[in-house]
Amino acid sequence: MAEYTFDVQKLYIEMLLADAESFARAQNIFKAESFDRKLQPIAKFIKEYMDEYKVMPEVEQVNAKFDIKLKSAKDLDPSHFNWLLDEFETFSRHKALESAILQWLNTHLTYRNFT
């Protein structure tokens, strides 16, 4: 099973910032709450920025706003973005399943505590 560490999730963000086409293809599964807590505000900002301005924010903007050191991935070979989309889809499914399980457990454990 894949491990979605902070660094892996940060790489997803760096690569998505570098390629608006990849972000556009992934936007329906791009959920800020899927990311590590430290990256959630950044993911939320990127999504809102893209929705409002119809362009990706620059890495420098994100770094300045959130005091983080994201790297630019604009010089990557375009074939790497196919990997990104495959990996990001798997990551998103994993996080959705994880969230559903936790929600189910929370609902059922809470229900049982009160009956």
PDB file of N, CA and C in Angstrom:
ATOM      1  N   MET A   1       0.843  -1.184   0.000  1.00  0.00           N
ATOM      2  CA  MET A   1       0.000   0.000   0.000  1.00  0.00           C
ATOM      3  C   MET A   1       0.889   1.248   0.000  1.00  0.00           C
ATOM      4  N   ALA A   2       0.530   2.206  -0.789  1.00  0.00           N
ATOM      5  CA  ALA A   2       1.313   3.433  -0.910  1.00  0.00           C
ATOM      6  C   ALA A   2       1.258   4.234   0.386  1.00  0.00           C
ATOM      7  N   GLU A   3       2.340   4.928   0.634  1.00  0.00           N
ATOM      8  CA  GLU A   3       2.406   5.789   1.808  1.00  0.00           C
ATOM      9  C   GLU A   3       2.400   7.236   1.338  1.00  0.00           C
ATOM     10  N   TYR A   4       1.444   7.988   1.791  1.00  0.00           N
ATOM     11  CA  TYR A   4       1.279   9.366   1.345  1.00  0.00           C
ATOM     12  C   TYR A   4       1.838  10.316   2.405  1.00  0.00           C
ATOM     13  N   THR A   5       3.152  10.400   2.452  1.00  0.00           N
ATOM     14  CA  THR A   5       3.828  11.233   3.430  1.00  0.00           C
ATOM     15  C   THR A   5       3.622  12.714   3.103  1.00  0.00           C
ATOM     16  N   PHE A   6       4.013  13.558   4.025  1.00  0.00           N
ATOM     17  CA  PHE A   6       3.959  15.000   3.815  1.00  0.00           C
ATOM     18  C   PHE A   6       4.726  15.375   2.548  1.00  0.00           C
ATOM     19  N   ASP A   7       5.918  14.802   2.368  1.00  0.00           N
ATOM     20  CA  ASP A   7       6.740  15.141   1.205  1.00  0.00           C
ATOM     21  C   ASP A   7       6.090  14.706  -0.110  1.00  0.00           C
ATOM     22  N   VAL A   8       5.437  13.572  -0.122  1.00  0.00           N
ATOM     23  CA  VAL A   8       4.745  13.115  -1.332  1.00  0.00           C
ATOM     24  C   VAL A   8       3.584  14.061  -1.645  1.00  0.00           C
ATOM     25  N   GLN A   9       2.821  14.423  -0.644  1.00  0.00           N
ATOM     26  CA  GLN A   9       1.694  15.328  -0.851  1.00  0.00           C
ATOM     27  C   GLN A   9       2.180  16.713  -1.290  1.00  0.00           C
ATOM     28  N   LYS A  10       3.289  17.148  -0.734  1.00  0.00           N
ATOM     29  CA  LYS A  10       3.891  18.423  -1.131  1.00  0.00           C
ATOM     30  C   LYS A  10       4.312  18.365  -2.603  1.00  0.00           C
ATOM     31  N   LEU A  11       4.863  17.245  -3.032  1.00  0.00           N
ATOM     32  CA  LEU A  11       5.244  17.056  -4.428  1.00  0.00           C
ATOM     33  C   LEU A  11       4.017  17.140  -5.340  1.00  0.00           C
ATOM     34  N   TYR A  12       2.912  16.537  -4.931  1.00  0.00           N
ATOM     35  CA  TYR A  12       1.678  16.648  -5.718  1.00  0.00           C
ATOM     36  C   TYR A  12       1.324  18.125  -5.934  1.00  0.00           C
ATOM     37  N   ILE A  13       1.367  18.898  -4.875  1.00  0.00           N
ATOM     38  CA  ILE A  13       1.034  20.331  -4.963  1.00  0.00           C
ATOM     39  C   ILE A  13       2.015  21.044  -5.881  1.00  0.00           C
ATOM     40  N   GLU A  14       3.305  20.777  -5.720  1.00  0.00           N
ATOM     41  CA  GLU A  14       4.315  21.419  -6.569  1.00  0.00           C
ATOM     42  C   GLU A  14       4.074  21.113  -8.042  1.00  0.00           C
ATOM     43  N   MET A  15       3.776  19.864  -8.336  1.00  0.00           N
ATOM     44  CA  MET A  15       3.557  19.472  -9.731  1.00  0.00           C
ATOM     45  C   MET A  15       2.252  20.039 -10.279  1.00  0.00           C
ATOM     46  N   LEU A  16       1.206  20.060  -9.472  1.00  0.00           N
ATOM     47  CA  LEU A  16      -0.062  20.625  -9.927  1.00  0.00           C
ATOM     48  C   LEU A  16       0.066  22.123 -10.178  1.00  0.00           C
ATOM     49  N   LEU A  17       0.856  22.811  -9.360  1.00  0.00           N
ATOM     50  CA  LEU A  17       1.094  24.237  -9.577  1.00  0.00           C
ATOM     51  C   LEU A  17       1.833  24.485 -10.893  1.00  0.00           C
ATOM     52  N   ALA A  18       2.636  23.534 -11.293  1.00  0.00           N
ATOM     53  CA  ALA A  18       3.460  23.696 -12.499  1.00  0.00           C
ATOM     54  C   ALA A  18       2.703  23.440 -13.787  1.00  0.00           C
ATOM     55  N   ASP A  19       1.557  22.773 -13.694  1.00  0.00           N
ATOM     56  CA  ASP A  19       0.864  22.372 -14.907  1.00  0.00           C
ATOM     57  C   ASP A  19      -0.644  22.554 -14.750  1.00  0.00           C
ATOM     58  N   ALA A  20      -1.136  23.662 -15.273  1.00  0.00           N
ATOM     59  CA  ALA A  20      -2.569  23.973 -15.148  1.00  0.00           C
ATOM     60  C   ALA A  20      -3.431  22.901 -15.797  1.00  0.00           C
ATOM     61  N   GLU A  21      -2.951  22.285 -16.868  1.00  0.00           N
ATOM     62  CA  GLU A  21      -3.728  21.232 -17.529  1.00  0.00           C
ATOM     63  C   GLU A  21      -3.923  20.038 -16.591  1.00  0.00           C
ATOM     64  N   SER A  22      -2.867  19.659 -15.883  1.00  0.00           N
ATOM     65  CA  SER A  22      -2.989  18.554 -14.923  1.00  0.00           C
ATOM     66  C   SER A  22      -3.958  18.924 -13.813  1.00  0.00           C
ATOM     67  N   PHE A  23      -3.865  20.165 -13.328  1.00  0.00           N
ATOM     68  CA  PHE A  23      -4.797  20.594 -12.281  1.00  0.00           C
ATOM     69  C   PHE A  23      -6.231  20.554 -12.798  1.00  0.00           C
ATOM     70  N   ALA A  24      -6.424  21.023 -14.026  1.00  0.00           N
ATOM     71  CA  ALA A  24      -7.772  21.017 -14.601  1.00  0.00           C
ATOM     72  C   ALA A  24      -8.315  19.598 -14.683  1.00  0.00           C
ATOM     73  N   ARG A  25      -7.470  18.658 -15.034  1.00  0.00           N
ATOM     74  CA  ARG A  25      -7.909  17.261 -15.133  1.00  0.00           C
ATOM     75  C   ARG A  25      -8.175  16.657 -13.751  1.00  0.00           C
ATOM     76  N   ALA A  26      -7.505  17.173 -12.730  1.00  0.00           N
ATOM     77  CA  ALA A  26      -7.637  16.614 -11.380  1.00  0.00           C
ATOM     78  C   ALA A  26      -8.583  17.423 -10.486  1.00  0.00           C
ATOM     79  N   GLN A  27      -9.087  18.533 -10.972  1.00  0.00           N
ATOM     80  CA  GLN A  27      -9.831  19.442 -10.092  1.00  0.00           C
ATOM     81  C   GLN A  27     -11.077  18.824  -9.465  1.00  0.00           C
ATOM     82  N   ASN A  28     -11.710  17.872 -10.135  1.00  0.00           N
ATOM     83  CA  ASN A  28     -12.914  17.260  -9.562  1.00  0.00           C
ATOM     84  C   ASN A  28     -12.615  16.362  -8.376  1.00  0.00           C
ATOM     85  N   ILE A  29     -11.382  15.904  -8.259  1.00  0.00           N
ATOM     86  CA  ILE A  29     -11.011  15.056  -7.122  1.00  0.00           C
ATOM     87  C   ILE A  29     -10.059  15.776  -6.170  1.00  0.00           C
ATOM     88  N   PHE A  30      -9.724  17.034  -6.472  1.00  0.00           N
ATOM     89  CA  PHE A  30      -8.820  17.827  -5.643  1.00  0.00           C
ATOM     90  C   PHE A  30      -9.602  18.369  -4.456  1.00  0.00           C
ATOM     91  N   LYS A  31      -9.331  17.816  -3.289  1.00  0.00           N
ATOM     92  CA  LYS A  31     -10.021  18.224  -2.059  1.00  0.00           C
ATOM     93  C   LYS A  31      -8.973  18.632  -1.030  1.00  0.00           C
ATOM     94  N   ALA A  32      -9.065  19.842  -0.547  1.00  0.00           N
ATOM     95  CA  ALA A  32      -8.081  20.346   0.416  1.00  0.00           C
ATOM     96  C   ALA A  32      -8.003  19.456   1.654  1.00  0.00           C
ATOM     97  N   GLU A  33      -9.156  18.932   2.085  1.00  0.00           N
ATOM     98  CA  GLU A  33      -9.184  18.123   3.302  1.00  0.00           C
ATOM     99  C   GLU A  33      -8.487  16.775   3.139  1.00  0.00           C
ATOM    100  N   SER A  34      -8.153  16.409   1.916  1.00  0.00           N
ATOM    101  CA  SER A  34      -7.438  15.146   1.688  1.00  0.00           C
ATOM    102  C   SER A  34      -5.958  15.254   2.047  1.00  0.00           C
ATOM    103  N   PHE A  35      -5.456  16.463   2.079  1.00  0.00           N
ATOM    104  CA  PHE A  35      -4.030  16.675   2.316  1.00  0.00           C
ATOM    105  C   PHE A  35      -3.692  16.696   3.805  1.00  0.00           C
ATOM    106  N   ASP A  36      -2.418  16.544   4.084  1.00  0.00           N
ATOM    107  CA  ASP A  36      -1.876  16.693   5.430  1.00  0.00           C
ATOM    108  C   ASP A  36      -2.374  18.027   5.996  1.00  0.00           C
ATOM    109  N   ARG A  37      -2.620  18.061   7.293  1.00  0.00           N
ATOM    110  CA  ARG A  37      -3.159  19.279   7.927  1.00  0.00           C
ATOM    111  C   ARG A  37      -2.327  20.526   7.622  1.00  0.00           C
ATOM    112  N   LYS A  38      -1.016  20.368   7.541  1.00  0.00           N
ATOM    113  CA  LYS A  38      -0.144  21.516   7.259  1.00  0.00           C
ATOM    114  C   LYS A  38      -0.301  22.000   5.820  1.00  0.00           C
ATOM    115  N   LEU A  39      -0.740  21.123   4.930  1.00  0.00           N
ATOM    116  CA  LEU A  39      -0.889  21.479   3.515  1.00  0.00           C
ATOM    117  C   LEU A  39      -2.312  21.870   3.142  1.00  0.00           C
ATOM    118  N   GLN A  40      -3.265  21.619   4.029  1.00  0.00           N
ATOM    119  CA  GLN A  40      -4.669  21.908   3.716  1.00  0.00           C
ATOM    120  C   GLN A  40      -4.925  23.382   3.391  1.00  0.00           C
ATOM    121  N   PRO A  41      -4.374  24.335   4.166  1.00  0.00           N
ATOM    122  CA  PRO A  41      -4.613  25.744   3.814  1.00  0.00           C
ATOM    123  C   PRO A  41      -4.032  26.100   2.437  1.00  0.00           C
ATOM    124  N   ILE A  42      -2.924  25.494   2.092  1.00  0.00           N
ATOM    125  CA  ILE A  42      -2.296  25.747   0.793  1.00  0.00           C
ATOM    126  C   ILE A  42      -3.169  25.178  -0.322  1.00  0.00           C
ATOM    127  N   ALA A  43      -3.629  23.961  -0.149  1.00  0.00           N
ATOM    128  CA  ALA A  43      -4.496  23.331  -1.144  1.00  0.00           C
ATOM    129  C   ALA A  43      -5.788  24.133  -1.314  1.00  0.00           C
ATOM    130  N   LYS A  44      -6.346  24.591  -0.219  1.00  0.00           N
ATOM    131  CA  LYS A  44      -7.573  25.388  -0.272  1.00  0.00           C
ATOM    132  C   LYS A  44      -7.328  26.697  -1.027  1.00  0.00           C
ATOM    133  N   PHE A  45      -6.200  27.339  -0.750  1.00  0.00           N
ATOM    134  CA  PHE A  45      -5.850  28.589  -1.430  1.00  0.00           C
ATOM    135  C   PHE A  45      -5.713  28.369  -2.938  1.00  0.00           C
ATOM    136  N   ILE A  46      -5.026  27.302  -3.320  1.00  0.00           N
ATOM    137  CA  ILE A  46      -4.822  27.010  -4.746  1.00  0.00           C
ATOM    138  C   ILE A  46      -6.169  26.807  -5.442  1.00  0.00           C
ATOM    139  N   LYS A  47      -7.032  26.021  -4.843  1.00  0.00           N
ATOM    140  CA  LYS A  47      -8.354  25.744  -5.425  1.00  0.00           C
ATOM    141  C   LYS A  47      -9.159  27.040  -5.565  1.00  0.00           C
ATOM    142  N   GLU A  48      -9.188  27.841  -4.515  1.00  0.00           N
ATOM    143  CA  GLU A  48      -9.953  29.091  -4.541  1.00  0.00           C
ATOM    144  C   GLU A  48      -9.349  30.090  -5.530  1.00  0.00           C
ATOM    145  N   TYR A  49      -8.027  30.144  -5.584  1.00  0.00           N
ATOM    146  CA  TYR A  49      -7.335  31.042  -6.514  1.00  0.00           C
ATOM    147  C   TYR A  49      -7.677  30.654  -7.953  1.00  0.00           C
ATOM    148  N   MET A  50      -7.600  29.370  -8.238  1.00  0.00           N
ATOM    149  CA  MET A  50      -7.903  28.869  -9.578  1.00  0.00           C
ATOM    150  C   MET A  50      -9.367  29.142  -9.935  1.00  0.00           C
ATOM    151  N   ASP A  51     -10.269  28.921  -8.995  1.00  0.00           N
ATOM    152  CA  ASP A  51     -11.689  29.171  -9.242  1.00  0.00           C
ATOM    153  C   ASP A  51     -11.962  30.654  -9.528  1.00  0.00           C
ATOM    154  N   GLU A  52     -11.286  31.528  -8.789  1.00  0.00           N
ATOM    155  CA  GLU A  52     -11.539  32.963  -8.923  1.00  0.00           C
ATOM    156  C   GLU A  52     -10.837  33.592 -10.131  1.00  0.00           C
ATOM    157  N   TYR A  53      -9.554  33.247 -10.324  1.00  0.00           N
ATOM    158  CA  TYR A  53      -8.758  33.927 -11.347  1.00  0.00           C
ATOM    159  C   TYR A  53      -8.549  33.109 -12.630  1.00  0.00           C
ATOM    160  N   LYS A  54      -8.956  31.847 -12.616  1.00  0.00           N
ATOM    161  CA  LYS A  54      -8.833  30.959 -13.789  1.00  0.00           C
ATOM    162  C   LYS A  54      -7.386  30.778 -14.250  1.00  0.00           C
ATOM    163  N   VAL A  55      -6.464  30.875 -13.315  1.00  0.00           N
ATOM    164  CA  VAL A  55      -5.037  30.662 -13.562  1.00  0.00           C
ATOM    165  C   VAL A  55      -4.420  30.137 -12.269  1.00  0.00           C
ATOM    166  N   MET A  56      -3.366  29.348 -12.404  1.00  0.00           N
ATOM    167  CA  MET A  56      -2.707  28.818 -11.211  1.00  0.00           C
ATOM    168  C   MET A  56      -1.879  29.903 -10.555  1.00  0.00           C
ATOM    169  N   PRO A  57      -1.851  29.957  -9.229  1.00  0.00           N
ATOM    170  CA  PRO A  57      -0.933  30.896  -8.579  1.00  0.00           C
ATOM    171  C   PRO A  57       0.512  30.451  -8.819  1.00  0.00           C
ATOM    172  N   GLU A  58       1.415  31.372  -8.766  1.00  0.00           N
ATOM    173  CA  GLU A  58       2.837  31.049  -8.919  1.00  0.00           C
ATOM    174  C   GLU A  58       3.363  30.467  -7.603  1.00  0.00           C
ATOM    175  N   VAL A  59       4.361  29.634  -7.720  1.00  0.00           N
ATOM    176  CA  VAL A  59       4.979  29.018  -6.534  1.00  0.00           C
ATOM    177  C   VAL A  59       5.433  30.104  -5.558  1.00  0.00           C
ATOM    178  N   GLU A  60       5.978  31.179  -6.087  1.00  0.00           N
ATOM    179  CA  GLU A  60       6.466  32.275  -5.232  1.00  0.00           C
ATOM    180  C   GLU A  60       5.326  32.898  -4.427  1.00  0.00           C
ATOM    181  N   GLN A  61       4.142  33.007  -5.024  1.00  0.00           N
ATOM    182  CA  GLN A  61       2.986  33.546  -4.297  1.00  0.00           C
ATOM    183  C   GLN A  61       2.615  32.633  -3.133  1.00  0.00           C
ATOM    184  N   VAL A  62       2.572  31.351  -3.396  1.00  0.00           N
ATOM    185  CA  VAL A  62       2.198  30.380  -2.361  1.00  0.00           C
ATOM    186  C   VAL A  62       3.254  30.376  -1.265  1.00  0.00           C
ATOM    187  N   ASN A  63       4.523  30.381  -1.649  1.00  0.00           N
ATOM    188  CA  ASN A  63       5.608  30.388  -0.659  1.00  0.00           C
ATOM    189  C   ASN A  63       5.533  31.610   0.245  1.00  0.00           C
ATOM    190  N   ALA A  64       5.285  32.770  -0.343  1.00  0.00           N
ATOM    191  CA  ALA A  64       5.212  34.002   0.444  1.00  0.00           C
ATOM    192  C   ALA A  64       3.993  34.008   1.365  1.00  0.00           C
ATOM    193  N   LYS A  65       2.866  33.564   0.850  1.00  0.00           N
ATOM    194  CA  LYS A  65       1.627  33.598   1.636  1.00  0.00           C
ATOM    195  C   LYS A  65       1.658  32.621   2.801  1.00  0.00           C
ATOM    196  N   PHE A  66       2.294  31.465   2.608  1.00  0.00           N
ATOM    197  CA  PHE A  66       2.225  30.412   3.617  1.00  0.00           C
ATOM    198  C   PHE A  66       3.567  30.104   4.273  1.00  0.00           C
ATOM    199  N   ASP A  67       4.581  30.877   3.977  1.00  0.00           N
ATOM    200  CA  ASP A  67       5.906  30.668   4.569  1.00  0.00           C
ATOM    201  C   ASP A  67       6.328  29.201   4.445  1.00  0.00           C
ATOM    202  N   ILE A  68       6.268  28.709   3.221  1.00  0.00           N
ATOM    203  CA  ILE A  68       6.662  27.342   2.911  1.00  0.00           C
ATOM    204  C   ILE A  68       7.673  27.422   1.771  1.00  0.00           C
ATOM    205  N   LYS A  69       8.389  26.353   1.553  1.00  0.00           N
ATOM    206  CA  LYS A  69       9.401  26.343   0.503  1.00  0.00           C
ATOM    207  C   LYS A  69       9.051  25.303  -0.564  1.00  0.00           C
ATOM    208  N   LEU A  70       8.009  25.589  -1.334  1.00  0.00           N
ATOM    209  CA  LEU A  70       7.674  24.736  -2.460  1.00  0.00           C
ATOM    210  C   LEU A  70       8.683  24.985  -3.569  1.00  0.00           C
ATOM    211  N   LYS A  71       8.964  23.943  -4.332  1.00  0.00           N
ATOM    212  CA  LYS A  71       9.872  24.067  -5.472  1.00  0.00           C
ATOM    213  C   LYS A  71       9.056  24.134  -6.752  1.00  0.00           C
ATOM    214  N   SER A  72       9.608  24.804  -7.736  1.00  0.00           N
ATOM    215  CA  SER A  72       8.957  24.855  -9.037  1.00  0.00           C
ATOM    216  C   SER A  72       9.200  23.539  -9.762  1.00  0.00           C
ATOM    217  N   ALA A  73       8.148  23.009 -10.367  1.00  0.00           N
ATOM    218  CA  ALA A  73       8.262  21.761 -11.133  1.00  0.00           C
ATOM    219  C   ALA A  73       8.054  22.022 -12.622  1.00  0.00           C
ATOM    220  N   LYS A  74       8.177  23.272 -13.038  1.00  0.00           N
ATOM    221  CA  LYS A  74       7.902  23.636 -14.431  1.00  0.00           C
ATOM    222  C   LYS A  74       8.901  23.048 -15.415  1.00  0.00           C
ATOM    223  N   ASP A  75      10.089  22.676 -14.963  1.00  0.00           N
ATOM    224  CA  ASP A  75      11.105  22.133 -15.867  1.00  0.00           C
ATOM    225  C   ASP A  75      11.034  20.621 -16.007  1.00  0.00           C
ATOM    226  N   LEU A  76      10.066  19.989 -15.378  1.00  0.00           N
ATOM    227  CA  LEU A  76       9.939  18.536 -15.489  1.00  0.00           C
ATOM    228  C   LEU A  76       9.511  18.131 -16.890  1.00  0.00           C
ATOM    229  N   ASP A  77       9.960  16.974 -17.288  1.00  0.00           N
ATOM    230  CA  ASP A  77       9.522  16.403 -18.561  1.00  0.00           C
ATOM    231  C   ASP A  77       8.007  16.201 -18.483  1.00  0.00           C
ATOM    232  N   PRO A  78       7.278  16.555 -19.522  1.00  0.00           N
ATOM    233  CA  PRO A  78       5.812  16.422 -19.500  1.00  0.00           C
ATOM    234  C   PRO A  78       5.313  15.017 -19.184  1.00  0.00           C
ATOM    235  N   SER A  79       6.092  14.004 -19.485  1.00  0.00           N
ATOM    236  CA  SER A  79       5.646  12.630 -19.202  1.00  0.00           C
ATOM    237  C   SER A  79       5.487  12.378 -17.702  1.00  0.00           C
ATOM    238  N   HIS A  80       6.157  13.151 -16.884  1.00  0.00           N
ATOM    239  CA  HIS A  80       6.029  12.985 -15.429  1.00  0.00           C
ATOM    240  C   HIS A  80       4.628  13.350 -14.939  1.00  0.00           C
ATOM    241  N   PHE A  81       3.944  14.171 -15.701  1.00  0.00           N
ATOM    242  CA  PHE A  81       2.614  14.593 -15.272  1.00  0.00           C
ATOM    243  C   PHE A  81       1.585  13.486 -15.461  1.00  0.00           C
ATOM    244  N   ASN A  82       1.851  12.532 -16.336  1.00  0.00           N
ATOM    245  CA  ASN A  82       0.997  11.336 -16.429  1.00  0.00           C
ATOM    246  C   ASN A  82       1.100  10.537 -15.133  1.00  0.00           C
ATOM    247  N   TRP A  83       2.324  10.410 -14.617  1.00  0.00           N
ATOM    248  CA  TRP A  83       2.533   9.740 -13.328  1.00  0.00           C
ATOM    249  C   TRP A  83       1.751  10.480 -12.247  1.00  0.00           C
ATOM    250  N   LEU A  84       1.862  11.805 -12.238  1.00  0.00           N
ATOM    251  CA  LEU A  84       1.165  12.610 -11.239  1.00  0.00           C
ATOM    252  C   LEU A  84      -0.332  12.318 -11.240  1.00  0.00           C
ATOM    253  N   LEU A  85      -0.940  12.340 -12.407  1.00  0.00           N
ATOM    254  CA  LEU A  85      -2.390  12.125 -12.482  1.00  0.00           C
ATOM    255  C   LEU A  85      -2.778  10.732 -12.006  1.00  0.00           C
ATOM    256  N   ASP A  86      -1.988   9.727 -12.372  1.00  0.00           N
ATOM    257  CA  ASP A  86      -2.261   8.363 -11.893  1.00  0.00           C
ATOM    258  C   ASP A  86      -2.131   8.288 -10.381  1.00  0.00           C
ATOM    259  N   GLU A  87      -1.040   8.826  -9.860  1.00  0.00           N
ATOM    260  CA  GLU A  87      -0.799   8.799  -8.415  1.00  0.00           C
ATOM    261  C   GLU A  87      -1.830   9.622  -7.647  1.00  0.00           C
ATOM    262  N   PHE A  88      -2.157  10.792  -8.172  1.00  0.00           N
ATOM    263  CA  PHE A  88      -3.096  11.665  -7.475  1.00  0.00           C
ATOM    264  C   PHE A  88      -4.491  11.051  -7.428  1.00  0.00           C
ATOM    265  N   GLU A  89      -4.865  10.359  -8.479  1.00  0.00           N
ATOM    266  CA  GLU A  89      -6.160   9.673  -8.479  1.00  0.00           C
ATOM    267  C   GLU A  89      -6.186   8.586  -7.406  1.00  0.00           C
ATOM    268  N   THR A  90      -5.116   7.816  -7.294  1.00  0.00           N
ATOM    269  CA  THR A  90      -5.035   6.770  -6.272  1.00  0.00           C
ATOM    270  C   THR A  90      -5.043   7.386  -4.872  1.00  0.00           C
ATOM    271  N   PHE A  91      -4.277   8.458  -4.695  1.00  0.00           N
ATOM    272  CA  PHE A  91      -4.239   9.183  -3.420  1.00  0.00           C
ATOM    273  C   PHE A  91      -5.646   9.671  -3.045  1.00  0.00           C
ATOM    274  N   SER A  92      -6.351  10.251  -3.996  1.00  0.00           N
ATOM    275  CA  SER A  92      -7.690  10.788  -3.732  1.00  0.00           C
ATOM    276  C   SER A  92      -8.677   9.691  -3.362  1.00  0.00           C
ATOM    277  N   ARG A  93      -8.602   8.567  -4.052  1.00  0.00           N
ATOM    278  CA  ARG A  93      -9.466   7.421  -3.703  1.00  0.00           C
ATOM    279  C   ARG A  93      -9.157   6.929  -2.296  1.00  0.00           C
ATOM    280  N   HIS A  94      -7.880   6.796  -1.997  1.00  0.00           N
ATOM    281  CA  HIS A  94      -7.456   6.321  -0.676  1.00  0.00           C
ATOM    282  C   HIS A  94      -7.991   7.259   0.411  1.00  0.00           C
ATOM    283  N   LYS A  95      -7.835   8.553   0.214  1.00  0.00           N
ATOM    284  CA  LYS A  95      -8.273   9.527   1.215  1.00  0.00           C
ATOM    285  C   LYS A  95      -9.799   9.547   1.341  1.00  0.00           C
ATOM    286  N   ALA A  96     -10.518   9.372   0.237  1.00  0.00           N
ATOM    287  CA  ALA A  96     -11.986   9.329   0.290  1.00  0.00           C
ATOM    288  C   ALA A  96     -12.454   8.099   1.060  1.00  0.00           C
ATOM    289  N   LEU A  97     -11.821   6.969   0.812  1.00  0.00           N
ATOM    290  CA  LEU A  97     -12.163   5.745   1.530  1.00  0.00           C
ATOM    291  C   LEU A  97     -11.842   5.880   3.018  1.00  0.00           C
ATOM    292  N   GLU A  98     -10.682   6.428   3.313  1.00  0.00           N
ATOM    293  CA  GLU A  98     -10.276   6.653   4.702  1.00  0.00           C
ATOM    294  C   GLU A  98     -11.283   7.554   5.415  1.00  0.00           C
ATOM    295  N   SER A  99     -11.703   8.609   4.756  1.00  0.00           N
ATOM    296  CA  SER A  99     -12.674   9.537   5.333  1.00  0.00           C
ATOM    297  C   SER A  99     -14.020   8.855   5.566  1.00  0.00           C
ATOM    298  N   ALA A 100     -14.452   8.051   4.609  1.00  0.00           N
ATOM    299  CA  ALA A 100     -15.735   7.341   4.742  1.00  0.00           C
ATOM    300  C   ALA A 100     -15.698   6.353   5.906  1.00  0.00           C
ATOM    301  N   ILE A 101     -14.597   5.655   6.056  1.00  0.00           N
ATOM    302  CA  ILE A 101     -14.458   4.700   7.167  1.00  0.00           C
ATOM    303  C   ILE A 101     -14.490   5.433   8.499  1.00  0.00           C
ATOM    304  N   LEU A 102     -13.737   6.516   8.602  1.00  0.00           N
ATOM    305  CA  LEU A 102     -13.707   7.282   9.853  1.00  0.00           C
ATOM    306  C   LEU A 102     -15.071   7.878  10.172  1.00  0.00           C
ATOM    307  N   GLN A 103     -15.756   8.353   9.147  1.00  0.00           N
ATOM    308  CA  GLN A 103     -17.094   8.907   9.353  1.00  0.00           C
ATOM    309  C   GLN A 103     -18.065   7.819   9.817  1.00  0.00           C
ATOM    310  N   TRP A 104     -17.999   6.654   9.200  1.00  0.00           N
ATOM    311  CA  TRP A 104     -18.858   5.538   9.593  1.00  0.00           C
ATOM    312  C   TRP A 104     -18.575   5.138  11.038  1.00  0.00           C
ATOM    313  N   LEU A 105     -17.297   5.015  11.375  1.00  0.00           N
ATOM    314  CA  LEU A 105     -16.934   4.644  12.746  1.00  0.00           C
ATOM    315  C   LEU A 105     -17.419   5.684  13.745  1.00  0.00           C
ATOM    316  N   ASN A 106     -17.230   6.932  13.416  1.00  0.00           N
ATOM    317  CA  ASN A 106     -17.660   8.005  14.302  1.00  0.00           C
ATOM    318  C   ASN A 106     -19.164   7.971  14.513  1.00  0.00           C
ATOM    319  N   THR A 107     -19.909   7.778  13.449  1.00  0.00           N
ATOM    320  CA  THR A 107     -21.370   7.715  13.530  1.00  0.00           C
ATOM    321  C   THR A 107     -21.821   6.523  14.365  1.00  0.00           C
ATOM    322  N   HIS A 108     -21.261   5.374  14.086  1.00  0.00           N
ATOM    323  CA  HIS A 108     -21.708   4.160  14.768  1.00  0.00           C
ATOM    324  C   HIS A 108     -21.206   4.065  16.211  1.00  0.00           C
ATOM    325  N   LEU A 109     -20.018   4.538  16.456  1.00  0.00           N
ATOM    326  CA  LEU A 109     -19.524   4.519  17.837  1.00  0.00           C
ATOM    327  C   LEU A 109     -20.270   5.535  18.687  1.00  0.00           C
ATOM    328  N   THR A 110     -20.582   6.685  18.117  1.00  0.00           N
ATOM    329  CA  THR A 110     -21.340   7.710  18.832  1.00  0.00           C
ATOM    330  C   THR A 110     -22.746   7.200  19.101  1.00  0.00           C
ATOM    331  N   TYR A 111     -23.364   6.571  18.103  1.00  0.00           N
ATOM    332  CA  TYR A 111     -24.708   6.043  18.251  1.00  0.00           C
ATOM    333  C   TYR A 111     -24.752   4.995  19.365  1.00  0.00           C
ATOM    334  N   ARG A 112     -23.787   4.113  19.401  1.00  0.00           N
ATOM    335  CA  ARG A 112     -23.779   3.054  20.404  1.00  0.00           C
ATOM    336  C   ARG A 112     -23.539   3.577  21.809  1.00  0.00           C
ATOM    337  N   ASN A 113     -22.824   4.688  21.923  1.00  0.00           N
ATOM    338  CA  ASN A 113     -22.570   5.261  23.238  1.00  0.00           C
ATOM    339  C   ASN A 113     -23.819   5.860  23.865  1.00  0.00           C
ATOM    340  N   PHE A 114     -24.809   6.172  23.030  1.00  0.00           N
ATOM    341  CA  PHE A 114     -26.002   6.809  23.545  1.00  0.00           C
ATOM    342  C   PHE A 114     -27.230   5.904  23.579  1.00  0.00           C
ATOM    343  N   THR A 115     -27.056   4.640  23.245  1.00  0.00           N
ATOM    344  CA  THR A 115     -28.209   3.739  23.290  1.00  0.00           C
ATOM    345  C   THR A 115     -28.100   2.766  24.430  1.00  0.00           C
TER     346      THR A 115
END
